[in-house]
Amino acid sequence: QQINVLEGHSSAITAVAMDDGMVVSGSGDTTIRLWDRKTGQQINIIEGHSSAVTAVAMDDAIIVSGSEDNTIRLWDRDTGQQINVLKGHFDGVTAVAMDGTMVVSGSGDNTIRLW
């Protein structure tokens, strides 16, 4: 059964991830939004991509996002401040994952890159 509905993006949701306390979403509106998993309240709006956010991942400290702007961006989970921009793909980023020491990304350029 449905537990909650999270609303706030102005375009299609294209990526979601969650842990015990938080949901993170990416959208065609170019934003990343952080939500309290228990209450459904929006915690933060992260802006920085110039095109749709198509992939998100997170750990206890970092949020990673990939976008149709061909970049991967790392964000401080607590503050929403951008930590780094990873450039190397020649087409939109379609997938991201992380393990605490490394980020991996996949793209429409038919490559997987390790960062």
Protein backbone atom coordinates (compact mmCIF):
# COMPACT_ATOMS: atom_id res chain seq x y z
CA GLN A 1 0.00 0.00 0.00
CA GLN A 2 1.10 3.56 -0.67
CA ILE A 3 2.73 5.26 2.30
CA ASN A 4 3.37 8.77 1.02
CA VAL A 5 3.45 11.01 -2.07
CA LEU A 6 6.40 13.37 -2.54
CA GLU A 7 5.63 16.36 -4.71
CA GLY A 8 7.78 19.32 -5.70
CA HIS A 9 9.51 18.71 -9.02
CA SER A 10 8.17 20.59 -12.03
CA SER A 11 9.07 17.91 -14.58
CA ALA A 12 9.25 14.12 -14.82
CA ILE A 13 11.19 12.27 -12.12
CA THR A 14 14.02 10.41 -13.84
CA ALA A 15 16.05 9.04 -10.91
CA VAL A 16 15.52 8.03 -7.28
CA ALA A 17 17.58 6.53 -4.49
CA MET A 18 17.00 6.07 -0.76
CA ASP A 19 18.47 4.94 2.49
CA ASP A 20 17.04 4.55 6.00
CA GLY A 21 16.40 8.27 6.46
CA MET A 22 16.31 10.00 3.11
CA VAL A 23 14.98 9.84 -0.43
CA VAL A 24 16.86 11.66 -3.19
CA SER A 25 15.28 12.38 -6.57
CA GLY A 26 16.46 13.77 -9.88
CA SER A 27 14.26 15.32 -12.53
CA GLY A 28 13.94 16.81 -15.97
CA ASP A 29 13.62 20.16 -14.17
CA THR A 30 17.44 19.93 -13.64
CA THR A 31 17.15 19.75 -9.83
CA ILE A 32 17.95 17.18 -7.20
CA ARG A 33 15.61 17.10 -4.24
CA LEU A 34 16.16 15.56 -0.83
CA TRP A 35 13.20 14.29 1.17
CA ASP A 36 12.74 13.01 4.71
CA ARG A 37 11.71 9.39 4.21
CA LYS A 38 9.49 9.24 7.28
CA THR A 39 7.62 12.55 6.98
CA GLY A 40 7.81 13.13 3.23
CA GLN A 41 8.95 16.69 3.82
CA GLN A 42 11.34 18.23 1.34
CA ILE A 43 14.71 18.86 3.00
CA ASN A 44 16.70 20.56 0.24
CA ILE A 45 16.75 21.51 -3.43
CA ILE A 46 20.13 21.15 -5.15
CA GLU A 47 20.76 23.05 -8.37
CA GLY A 48 23.79 22.99 -10.65
CA HIS A 49 23.10 20.78 -13.66
CA SER A 50 22.17 22.53 -16.91
CA SER A 51 20.01 19.67 -18.19
CA ALA A 52 17.87 16.82 -16.85
CA VAL A 53 19.24 14.84 -13.89
CA THR A 54 19.06 11.23 -15.03
CA ALA A 55 20.88 9.31 -12.28
CA VAL A 56 21.44 9.65 -8.52
CA ALA A 57 23.23 7.69 -5.81
CA MET A 58 24.21 8.48 -2.23
CA ASP A 59 26.06 7.37 0.83
CA ASP A 60 26.18 8.83 4.35
CA ALA A 61 28.07 11.96 3.25
CA ILE A 62 27.84 12.40 -0.53
CA ILE A 63 25.19 12.55 -3.23
CA VAL A 64 26.29 11.75 -6.79
CA SER A 65 24.24 12.87 -9.77
CA GLY A 66 24.50 12.31 -13.49
CA SER A 67 22.86 14.44 -16.13
CA GLU A 68 22.07 14.91 -19.80
CA ASP A 69 24.60 17.78 -19.56
CA ASN A 70 27.30 15.02 -19.78
CA THR A 71 28.57 15.65 -16.23
CA ILE A 72 28.67 13.83 -12.92
CA ARG A 73 28.47 16.05 -9.87
CA LEU A 74 29.26 15.29 -6.24
CA TRP A 75 27.35 17.13 -3.52
CA ASP A 76 27.68 17.40 0.23
CA ARG A 77 24.64 15.56 1.55
CA ASP A 78 24.19 17.82 4.59
CA THR A 79 24.65 21.23 2.95
CA GLY A 80 23.84 20.60 -0.71
CA GLN A 81 27.07 22.32 -1.70
CA GLN A 82 28.81 21.08 -4.84
CA ILE A 83 32.05 19.25 -4.09
CA ASN A 84 33.24 18.31 -7.57
CA VAL A 85 32.30 18.13 -11.25
CA LEU A 86 33.50 15.12 -13.24
CA LYS A 87 33.76 15.70 -16.99
CA GLY A 88 34.71 13.11 -19.59
CA HIS A 89 31.55 11.70 -21.14
CA PHE A 90 30.60 12.82 -24.64
CA ASP A 91 26.87 12.15 -24.20
CA GLY A 92 24.37 12.24 -21.37
CA VAL A 93 25.08 10.30 -18.19
CA THR A 94 22.51 7.56 -17.72
CA ALA A 95 23.75 5.74 -14.59
CA VAL A 96 25.88 6.39 -11.51
CA ALA A 97 26.97 4.31 -8.53
CA MET A 98 29.42 4.79 -5.69
CA ASP A 99 31.10 2.76 -2.97
CA GLY A 100 32.75 5.36 -0.73
CA THR A 101 36.06 5.40 -2.58
CA MET A 102 35.04 5.43 -6.24
CA VAL A 103 32.28 6.66 -8.53
CA VAL A 104 31.27 4.74 -11.65
CA SER A 105 29.18 6.25 -14.44
CA GLY A 106 27.55 5.05 -17.62
CA SER A 107 26.62 7.20 -20.59
CA GLY A 108 24.95 7.38 -23.96
CA ASP A 109 28.48 7.54 -25.36
CA ASN A 110 28.60 3.75 -24.78
CA THR A 111 31.26 3.99 -22.06
CA ILE A 112 31.51 3.19 -18.38
CA ARG A 113 33.95 5.44 -16.57
CA LEU A 114 35.57 4.98 -13.16
CA TRP A 115 36.42 8.09 -11.17
